[in-house]
Amino acid sequence: MFEEPLKTKILTRHEKEMGIQVAEMEKYKYICSQQEGCDIGKRAYFEWTQKYGKKVREWLESLSDDEINHLFEALSERIKIYIFEKAH
C-alpha cells in the first residue's frame, strides 16, 4: 500500500497520463524482451516512444477525466507509487 505522504498527494491529469504511458512502455518492454529472449532494457522505451508515443498521447487527450482516473486506478501499485514519488 501507499505510504501516508503518498496518499495525500493529488496528481494532475498529466501525471496520471504519464503513469498510463509508463505502464504501456513496461508492457512493450516485457513483450519485446520475451520475443528476444533477454531484457532489452531502455531500448524498449525509446522504440515505444517512436512507434506509439504520439498516438497514445492523442488517445489519452481524447478521454474524459473520469476515464483517465479509471485507467490510472487500474495500474499496478508499483507504477502508481513511482508516479506519486515523481509528482510535483
PDB file of N, CA and C in Angstrom:
ATOM      1  N   MET A   1       0.835  -1.195   0.000  1.00  0.00           N
ATOM      2  CA  MET A   1       0.000   0.000   0.000  1.00  0.00           C
ATOM      3  C   MET A   1       0.875   1.253   0.000  1.00  0.00           C
ATOM      4  N   PHE A   2       0.252   2.379  -0.305  1.00  0.00           N
ATOM      5  CA  PHE A   2       0.960   3.650  -0.314  1.00  0.00           C
ATOM      6  C   PHE A   2       1.319   4.072   1.097  1.00  0.00           C
ATOM      7  N   GLU A   3       2.497   4.687   1.222  1.00  0.00           N
ATOM      8  CA  GLU A   3       2.845   5.306   2.492  1.00  0.00           C
ATOM      9  C   GLU A   3       1.966   6.543   2.647  1.00  0.00           C
ATOM     10  N   GLU A   4       1.761   6.975   3.877  1.00  0.00           N
ATOM     11  CA  GLU A   4       0.845   8.086   4.159  1.00  0.00           C
ATOM     12  C   GLU A   4       1.143   9.352   3.341  1.00  0.00           C
ATOM     13  N   PRO A   5       2.419   9.809   3.217  1.00  0.00           N
ATOM     14  CA  PRO A   5       2.663  11.030   2.428  1.00  0.00           C
ATOM     15  C   PRO A   5       2.254  10.880   0.964  1.00  0.00           C
ATOM     16  N   LEU A   6       2.368   9.675   0.414  1.00  0.00           N
ATOM     17  CA  LEU A   6       1.975   9.475  -0.978  1.00  0.00           C
ATOM     18  C   LEU A   6       0.474   9.571  -1.145  1.00  0.00           C
ATOM     19  N   LYS A   7      -0.276   9.098  -0.167  1.00  0.00           N
ATOM     20  CA  LYS A   7      -1.738   9.144  -0.250  1.00  0.00           C
ATOM     21  C   LYS A   7      -2.254  10.571  -0.302  1.00  0.00           C
ATOM     22  N   THR A   8      -1.544  11.491   0.317  1.00  0.00           N
ATOM     23  CA  THR A   8      -2.042  12.857   0.413  1.00  0.00           C
ATOM     24  C   THR A   8      -1.753  13.687  -0.837  1.00  0.00           C
ATOM     25  N   LYS A   9      -0.883  13.217  -1.711  1.00  0.00           N
ATOM     26  CA  LYS A   9      -0.598  13.963  -2.933  1.00  0.00           C
ATOM     27  C   LYS A   9      -1.771  13.851  -3.893  1.00  0.00           C
ATOM     28  N   ILE A  10      -2.094  14.963  -4.503  1.00  0.00           N
ATOM     29  CA  ILE A  10      -3.126  14.989  -5.547  1.00  0.00           C
ATOM     30  C   ILE A  10      -2.389  15.044  -6.881  1.00  0.00           C
ATOM     31  N   LEU A  11      -2.650  14.061  -7.708  1.00  0.00           N
ATOM     32  CA  LEU A  11      -1.993  14.028  -9.004  1.00  0.00           C
ATOM     33  C   LEU A  11      -2.764  14.842 -10.027  1.00  0.00           C
ATOM     34  N   THR A  12      -2.022  15.483 -10.905  1.00  0.00           N
ATOM     35  CA  THR A  12      -2.651  16.194 -12.017  1.00  0.00           C
ATOM     36  C   THR A  12      -3.053  15.175 -13.084  1.00  0.00           C
ATOM     37  N   ARG A  13      -3.885  15.601 -13.982  1.00  0.00           N
ATOM     38  CA  ARG A  13      -4.267  14.738 -15.107  1.00  0.00           C
ATOM     39  C   ARG A  13      -3.013  14.324 -15.879  1.00  0.00           C
ATOM     40  N   HIS A  14      -2.124  15.267 -16.107  1.00  0.00           N
ATOM     41  CA  HIS A  14      -0.888  14.987 -16.844  1.00  0.00           C
ATOM     42  C   HIS A  14      -0.070  13.895 -16.148  1.00  0.00           C
ATOM     43  N   GLU A  15       0.047  13.958 -14.839  1.00  0.00           N
ATOM     44  CA  GLU A  15       0.797  12.939 -14.097  1.00  0.00           C
ATOM     45  C   GLU A  15       0.139  11.563 -14.231  1.00  0.00           C
ATOM     46  N   LYS A  16      -1.183  11.542 -14.199  1.00  0.00           N
ATOM     47  CA  LYS A  16      -1.895  10.267 -14.386  1.00  0.00           C
ATOM     48  C   LYS A  16      -1.674   9.735 -15.802  1.00  0.00           C
ATOM     49  N   GLU A  17      -1.711  10.623 -16.785  1.00  0.00           N
ATOM     50  CA  GLU A  17      -1.457  10.208 -18.163  1.00  0.00           C
ATOM     51  C   GLU A  17      -0.043   9.644 -18.296  1.00  0.00           C
ATOM     52  N   MET A  18       0.915  10.258 -17.617  1.00  0.00           N
ATOM     53  CA  MET A  18       2.285   9.753 -17.644  1.00  0.00           C
ATOM     54  C   MET A  18       2.350   8.346 -17.057  1.00  0.00           C
ATOM     55  N   GLY A  19       1.629   8.113 -15.984  1.00  0.00           N
ATOM     56  CA  GLY A  19       1.588   6.781 -15.392  1.00  0.00           C
ATOM     57  C   GLY A  19       1.042   5.743 -16.359  1.00  0.00           C
ATOM     58  N   ILE A  20       0.005   6.115 -17.071  1.00  0.00           N
ATOM     59  CA  ILE A  20      -0.589   5.203 -18.054  1.00  0.00           C
ATOM     60  C   ILE A  20       0.416   4.910 -19.164  1.00  0.00           C
ATOM     61  N   GLN A  21       1.135   5.937 -19.603  1.00  0.00           N
ATOM     62  CA  GLN A  21       2.153   5.735 -20.634  1.00  0.00           C
ATOM     63  C   GLN A  21       3.294   4.848 -20.131  1.00  0.00           C
ATOM     64  N   VAL A  22       3.723   5.045 -18.896  1.00  0.00           N
ATOM     65  CA  VAL A  22       4.780   4.206 -18.316  1.00  0.00           C
ATOM     66  C   VAL A  22       4.334   2.745 -18.307  1.00  0.00           C
ATOM     67  N   ALA A  23       3.085   2.510 -17.931  1.00  0.00           N
ATOM     68  CA  ALA A  23       2.568   1.145 -17.909  1.00  0.00           C
ATOM     69  C   ALA A  23       2.588   0.527 -19.304  1.00  0.00           C
ATOM     70  N   GLU A  24       2.225   1.305 -20.313  1.00  0.00           N
ATOM     71  CA  GLU A  24       2.246   0.804 -21.686  1.00  0.00           C
ATOM     72  C   GLU A  24       3.675   0.518 -22.140  1.00  0.00           C
ATOM     73  N   MET A  25       4.617   1.351 -21.759  1.00  0.00           N
ATOM     74  CA  MET A  25       6.022   1.116 -22.096  1.00  0.00           C
ATOM     75  C   MET A  25       6.531  -0.163 -21.439  1.00  0.00           C
ATOM     76  N   GLU A  26       6.134  -0.380 -20.198  1.00  0.00           N
ATOM     77  CA  GLU A  26       6.548  -1.586 -19.483  1.00  0.00           C
ATOM     78  C   GLU A  26       5.999  -2.840 -20.166  1.00  0.00           C
ATOM     79  N   LYS A  27       4.749  -2.780 -20.626  1.00  0.00           N
ATOM     80  CA  LYS A  27       4.170  -3.915 -21.356  1.00  0.00           C
ATOM     81  C   LYS A  27       4.964  -4.180 -22.636  1.00  0.00           C
ATOM     82  N   TYR A  28       5.273  -3.110 -23.350  1.00  0.00           N
ATOM     83  CA  TYR A  28       6.035  -3.240 -24.592  1.00  0.00           C
ATOM     84  C   TYR A  28       7.400  -3.854 -24.313  1.00  0.00           C
ATOM     85  N   LYS A  29       8.065  -3.384 -23.283  1.00  0.00           N
ATOM     86  CA  LYS A  29       9.385  -3.911 -22.913  1.00  0.00           C
ATOM     87  C   LYS A  29       9.292  -5.400 -22.585  1.00  0.00           C
ATOM     88  N   TYR A  30       8.285  -5.785 -21.846  1.00  0.00           N
ATOM     89  CA  TYR A  30       8.116  -7.192 -21.477  1.00  0.00           C
ATOM     90  C   TYR A  30       7.925  -8.062 -22.721  1.00  0.00           C
ATOM     91  N   ILE A  31       7.030  -7.657 -23.607  1.00  0.00           N
ATOM     92  CA  ILE A  31       6.740  -8.435 -24.814  1.00  0.00           C
ATOM     93  C   ILE A  31       7.990  -8.549 -25.692  1.00  0.00           C
ATOM     94  N   CYS A  32       8.670  -7.435 -25.930  1.00  0.00           N
ATOM     95  CA  CYS A  32       9.865  -7.462 -26.780  1.00  0.00           C
ATOM     96  C   CYS A  32      10.978  -8.293 -26.148  1.00  0.00           C
ATOM     97  N   SER A  33      11.139  -8.176 -24.857  1.00  0.00           N
ATOM     98  CA  SER A  33      12.167  -8.950 -24.164  1.00  0.00           C
ATOM     99  C   SER A  33      11.873 -10.441 -24.249  1.00  0.00           C
ATOM    100  N   GLN A  34      10.599 -10.802 -24.121  1.00  0.00           N
ATOM    101  CA  GLN A  34      10.214 -12.210 -24.257  1.00  0.00           C
ATOM    102  C   GLN A  34      10.521 -12.714 -25.665  1.00  0.00           C
ATOM    103  N   GLN A  35      10.231 -11.906 -26.656  1.00  0.00           N
ATOM    104  CA  GLN A  35      10.470 -12.308 -28.040  1.00  0.00           C
ATOM    105  C   GLN A  35      11.961 -12.478 -28.333  1.00  0.00           C
ATOM    106  N   GLU A  36      12.791 -11.628 -27.735  1.00  0.00           N
ATOM    107  CA  GLU A  36      14.231 -11.685 -27.988  1.00  0.00           C
ATOM    108  C   GLU A  36      14.962 -12.621 -27.030  1.00  0.00           C
ATOM    109  N   GLY A  37      14.294 -13.068 -25.991  1.00  0.00           N
ATOM    110  CA  GLY A  37      14.907 -13.996 -25.055  1.00  0.00           C
ATOM    111  C   GLY A  37      15.845 -13.355 -24.052  1.00  0.00           C
ATOM    112  N   CYS A  38      15.801 -12.032 -23.949  1.00  0.00           N
ATOM    113  CA  CYS A  38      16.614 -11.314 -22.955  1.00  0.00           C
ATOM    114  C   CYS A  38      16.001  -9.940 -22.716  1.00  0.00           C
ATOM    115  N   ASP A  39      16.385  -9.326 -21.608  1.00  0.00           N
ATOM    116  CA  ASP A  39      15.883  -7.991 -21.269  1.00  0.00           C
ATOM    117  C   ASP A  39      16.488  -6.984 -22.237  1.00  0.00           C
ATOM    118  N   ILE A  40      15.656  -6.309 -22.994  1.00  0.00           N
ATOM    119  CA  ILE A  40      16.174  -5.346 -23.975  1.00  0.00           C
ATOM    120  C   ILE A  40      16.379  -3.958 -23.372  1.00  0.00           C
ATOM    121  N   GLY A  41      16.024  -3.790 -22.118  1.00  0.00           N
ATOM    122  CA  GLY A  41      16.331  -2.564 -21.388  1.00  0.00           C
ATOM    123  C   GLY A  41      15.694  -1.306 -21.937  1.00  0.00           C
ATOM    124  N   LYS A  42      16.463  -0.224 -21.847  1.00  0.00           N
ATOM    125  CA  LYS A  42      15.951   1.100 -22.215  1.00  0.00           C
ATOM    126  C   LYS A  42      15.621   1.224 -23.700  1.00  0.00           C
ATOM    127  N   ARG A  43      16.166   0.345 -24.501  1.00  0.00           N
ATOM    128  CA  ARG A  43      15.840   0.374 -25.929  1.00  0.00           C
ATOM    129  C   ARG A  43      14.338   0.272 -26.149  1.00  0.00           C
ATOM    130  N   ALA A  44      13.666  -0.497 -25.293  1.00  0.00           N
ATOM    131  CA  ALA A  44      12.219  -0.663 -25.421  1.00  0.00           C
ATOM    132  C   ALA A  44      11.487   0.662 -25.241  1.00  0.00           C
ATOM    133  N   TYR A  45      11.936   1.471 -24.296  1.00  0.00           N
ATOM    134  CA  TYR A  45      11.276   2.756 -24.047  1.00  0.00           C
ATOM    135  C   TYR A  45      11.439   3.690 -25.241  1.00  0.00           C
ATOM    136  N   PHE A  46      12.638   3.685 -25.811  1.00  0.00           N
ATOM    137  CA  PHE A  46      12.884   4.517 -26.986  1.00  0.00           C
ATOM    138  C   PHE A  46      12.009   4.058 -28.149  1.00  0.00           C
ATOM    139  N   GLU A  47      11.999   2.741 -28.399  1.00  0.00           N
ATOM    140  CA  GLU A  47      11.188   2.206 -29.500  1.00  0.00           C
ATOM    141  C   GLU A  47       9.710   2.522 -29.291  1.00  0.00           C
ATOM    142  N   TRP A  48       9.208   2.317 -28.070  1.00  0.00           N
ATOM    143  CA  TRP A  48       7.797   2.572 -27.797  1.00  0.00           C
ATOM    144  C   TRP A  48       7.471   4.035 -28.071  1.00  0.00           C
ATOM    145  N   THR A  49       8.348   4.926 -27.617  1.00  0.00           N
ATOM    146  CA  THR A  49       8.118   6.360 -27.815  1.00  0.00           C
ATOM    147  C   THR A  49       8.048   6.683 -29.305  1.00  0.00           C
ATOM    148  N   GLN A  50       8.960   6.102 -30.071  1.00  0.00           N
ATOM    149  CA  GLN A  50       8.980   6.362 -31.511  1.00  0.00           C
ATOM    150  C   GLN A  50       7.753   5.778 -32.213  1.00  0.00           C
ATOM    151  N   LYS A  51       7.361   4.571 -31.849  1.00  0.00           N
ATOM    152  CA  LYS A  51       6.274   3.883 -32.538  1.00  0.00           C
ATOM    153  C   LYS A  51       4.889   4.306 -32.065  1.00  0.00           C
ATOM    154  N   TYR A  52       4.735   4.508 -30.758  1.00  0.00           N
ATOM    155  CA  TYR A  52       3.392   4.655 -30.197  1.00  0.00           C
ATOM    156  C   TYR A  52       3.151   5.926 -29.388  1.00  0.00           C
ATOM    157  N   GLY A  53       4.203   6.618 -29.017  1.00  0.00           N
ATOM    158  CA  GLY A  53       4.074   7.755 -28.114  1.00  0.00           C
ATOM    159  C   GLY A  53       3.048   8.792 -28.522  1.00  0.00           C
ATOM    160  N   LYS A  54       3.163   9.272 -29.752  1.00  0.00           N
ATOM    161  CA  LYS A  54       2.256  10.324 -30.222  1.00  0.00           C
ATOM    162  C   LYS A  54       0.808   9.841 -30.246  1.00  0.00           C
ATOM    163  N   LYS A  55       0.588   8.630 -30.767  1.00  0.00           N
ATOM    164  CA  LYS A  55      -0.778   8.102 -30.864  1.00  0.00           C
ATOM    165  C   LYS A  55      -1.391   7.891 -29.484  1.00  0.00           C
ATOM    166  N   VAL A  56      -0.603   7.394 -28.552  1.00  0.00           N
ATOM    167  CA  VAL A  56      -1.118   7.161 -27.202  1.00  0.00           C
ATOM    168  C   VAL A  56      -1.432   8.495 -26.527  1.00  0.00           C
ATOM    169  N   ARG A  57      -0.546   9.487 -26.674  1.00  0.00           N
ATOM    170  CA  ARG A  57      -0.821  10.810 -26.089  1.00  0.00           C
ATOM    171  C   ARG A  57      -2.105  11.404 -26.663  1.00  0.00           C
ATOM    172  N   GLU A  58      -2.288  11.297 -27.966  1.00  0.00           N
ATOM    173  CA  GLU A  58      -3.510  11.812 -28.594  1.00  0.00           C
ATOM    174  C   GLU A  58      -4.739  11.077 -28.069  1.00  0.00           C
ATOM    175  N   TRP A  59      -4.630   9.770 -27.931  1.00  0.00           N
ATOM    176  CA  TRP A  59      -5.741   8.977 -27.398  1.00  0.00           C
ATOM    177  C   TRP A  59      -6.062   9.401 -25.971  1.00  0.00           C
ATOM    178  N   LEU A  60      -5.029   9.547 -25.135  1.00  0.00           N
ATOM    179  CA  LEU A  60      -5.258   9.952 -23.746  1.00  0.00           C
ATOM    180  C   LEU A  60      -5.906  11.332 -23.671  1.00  0.00           C
ATOM    181  N   GLU A  61      -5.464  12.242 -24.514  1.00  0.00           N
ATOM    182  CA  GLU A  61      -6.033  13.587 -24.529  1.00  0.00           C
ATOM    183  C   GLU A  61      -7.504  13.584 -24.931  1.00  0.00           C
ATOM    184  N   SER A  62      -7.924  12.568 -25.666  1.00  0.00           N
ATOM    185  CA  SER A  62      -9.318  12.499 -26.114  1.00  0.00           C
ATOM    186  C   SER A  62     -10.255  11.954 -25.023  1.00  0.00           C
ATOM    187  N   LEU A  63      -9.693  11.407 -23.954  1.00  0.00           N
ATOM    188  CA  LEU A  63     -10.502  10.798 -22.900  1.00  0.00           C
ATOM    189  C   LEU A  63     -10.973  11.815 -21.876  1.00  0.00           C
ATOM    190  N   SER A  64     -12.059  11.499 -21.225  1.00  0.00           N
ATOM    191  CA  SER A  64     -12.566  12.358 -20.148  1.00  0.00           C
ATOM    192  C   SER A  64     -11.712  12.166 -18.894  1.00  0.00           C
ATOM    193  N   ASP A  65     -11.856  13.082 -17.954  1.00  0.00           N
ATOM    194  CA  ASP A  65     -11.142  12.951 -16.678  1.00  0.00           C
ATOM    195  C   ASP A  65     -11.523  11.655 -15.965  1.00  0.00           C
ATOM    196  N   ASP A  66     -12.785  11.293 -16.020  1.00  0.00           N
ATOM    197  CA  ASP A  66     -13.228  10.044 -15.380  1.00  0.00           C
ATOM    198  C   ASP A  66     -12.557   8.822 -16.005  1.00  0.00           C
ATOM    199  N   GLU A  67     -12.427   8.833 -17.317  1.00  0.00           N
ATOM    200  CA  GLU A  67     -11.774   7.703 -17.991  1.00  0.00           C
ATOM    201  C   GLU A  67     -10.294   7.627 -17.622  1.00  0.00           C
ATOM    202  N   ILE A  68      -9.640   8.778 -17.540  1.00  0.00           N
ATOM    203  CA  ILE A  68      -8.225   8.806 -17.131  1.00  0.00           C
ATOM    204  C   ILE A  68      -8.095   8.293 -15.705  1.00  0.00           C
ATOM    205  N   ASN A  69      -8.961   8.754 -14.825  1.00  0.00           N
ATOM    206  CA  ASN A  69      -8.916   8.295 -13.436  1.00  0.00           C
ATOM    207  C   ASN A  69      -9.101   6.781 -13.347  1.00  0.00           C
ATOM    208  N   HIS A  70     -10.028   6.250 -14.121  1.00  0.00           N
ATOM    209  CA  HIS A  70     -10.289   4.804 -14.119  1.00  0.00           C
ATOM    210  C   HIS A  70      -9.055   4.035 -14.611  1.00  0.00           C
ATOM    211  N   LEU A  71      -8.454   4.491 -15.701  1.00  0.00           N
ATOM    212  CA  LEU A  71      -7.258   3.828 -16.223  1.00  0.00           C
ATOM    213  C   LEU A  71      -6.107   3.892 -15.231  1.00  0.00           C
ATOM    214  N   PHE A  72      -5.944   5.051 -14.587  1.00  0.00           N
ATOM    215  CA  PHE A  72      -4.848   5.198 -13.618  1.00  0.00           C
ATOM    216  C   PHE A  72      -5.060   4.275 -12.424  1.00  0.00           C
ATOM    217  N   GLU A  73      -6.273   4.204 -11.938  1.00  0.00           N
ATOM    218  CA  GLU A  73      -6.559   3.345 -10.782  1.00  0.00           C
ATOM    219  C   GLU A  73      -6.313   1.876 -11.081  1.00  0.00           C
ATOM    220  N   ALA A  74      -6.418   1.482 -12.341  1.00  0.00           N
ATOM    221  CA  ALA A  74      -6.208   0.085 -12.727  1.00  0.00           C
ATOM    222  C   ALA A  74      -4.722  -0.285 -12.848  1.00  0.00           C
ATOM    223  N   LEU A  75      -3.834   0.705 -12.751  1.00  0.00           N
ATOM    224  CA  LEU A  75      -2.404   0.431 -12.884  1.00  0.00           C
ATOM    225  C   LEU A  75      -1.884  -0.355 -11.686  1.00  0.00           C
ATOM    226  N   SER A  76      -0.736  -0.969 -11.879  1.00  0.00           N
ATOM    227  CA  SER A  76      -0.100  -1.709 -10.785  1.00  0.00           C
ATOM    228  C   SER A  76       0.319  -0.729  -9.683  1.00  0.00           C
ATOM    229  N   GLU A  77       0.377  -1.236  -8.477  1.00  0.00           N
ATOM    230  CA  GLU A  77       0.809  -0.408  -7.341  1.00  0.00           C
ATOM    231  C   GLU A  77       2.205   0.136  -7.578  1.00  0.00           C
ATOM    232  N   ARG A  78       3.072  -0.666  -8.190  1.00  0.00           N
ATOM    233  CA  ARG A  78       4.452  -0.249  -8.438  1.00  0.00           C
ATOM    234  C   ARG A  78       4.504   1.010  -9.300  1.00  0.00           C
ATOM    235  N   ILE A  79       3.708   1.044 -10.350  1.00  0.00           N
ATOM    236  CA  ILE A  79       3.716   2.214 -11.231  1.00  0.00           C
ATOM    237  C   ILE A  79       3.063   3.404 -10.546  1.00  0.00           C
ATOM    238  N   LYS A  80       1.980   3.170  -9.818  1.00  0.00           N
ATOM    239  CA  LYS A  80       1.340   4.286  -9.102  1.00  0.00           C
ATOM    240  C   LYS A  80       2.304   4.896  -8.092  1.00  0.00           C
ATOM    241  N   ILE A  81       3.018   4.080  -7.362  1.00  0.00           N
ATOM    242  CA  ILE A  81       3.992   4.589  -6.386  1.00  0.00           C
ATOM    243  C   ILE A  81       5.074   5.388  -7.083  1.00  0.00           C
ATOM    244  N   TYR A  82       5.562   4.880  -8.202  1.00  0.00           N
ATOM    245  CA  TYR A  82       6.582   5.595  -8.983  1.00  0.00           C
ATOM    246  C   TYR A  82       6.082   6.980  -9.376  1.00  0.00           C
ATOM    247  N   ILE A  83       4.867   7.064  -9.873  1.00  0.00           N
ATOM    248  CA  ILE A  83       4.316   8.356 -10.298  1.00  0.00           C
ATOM    249  C   ILE A  83       4.114   9.273  -9.089  1.00  0.00           C
ATOM    250  N   PHE A  84       3.592   8.746  -7.991  1.00  0.00           N
ATOM    251  CA  PHE A  84       3.421   9.556  -6.793  1.00  0.00           C
ATOM    252  C   PHE A  84       4.748  10.097  -6.287  1.00  0.00           C
ATOM    253  N   GLU A  85       5.789   9.289  -6.354  1.00  0.00           N
ATOM    254  CA  GLU A  85       7.114   9.743  -5.898  1.00  0.00           C
ATOM    255  C   GLU A  85       7.691  10.812  -6.794  1.00  0.00           C
ATOM    256  N   LYS A  86       7.398  10.741  -8.076  1.00  0.00           N
ATOM    257  CA  LYS A  86       7.942  11.715  -9.034  1.00  0.00           C
ATOM    258  C   LYS A  86       7.078  12.976  -9.149  1.00  0.00           C
ATOM    259  N   ALA A  87       5.870  12.922  -8.617  1.00  0.00           N
ATOM    260  CA  ALA A  87       4.913  14.044  -8.764  1.00  0.00           C
ATOM    261  C   ALA A  87       5.397  15.285  -8.031  1.00  0.00           C
ATOM    262  N   HIS A  88       5.130  16.398  -8.641  1.00  0.00           N
ATOM    263  CA  HIS A  88       5.371  17.744  -8.099  1.00  0.00           C
ATOM    264  C   HIS A  88       6.825  17.928  -7.862  1.00  0.00           C
TER     265      HIS A  88
END
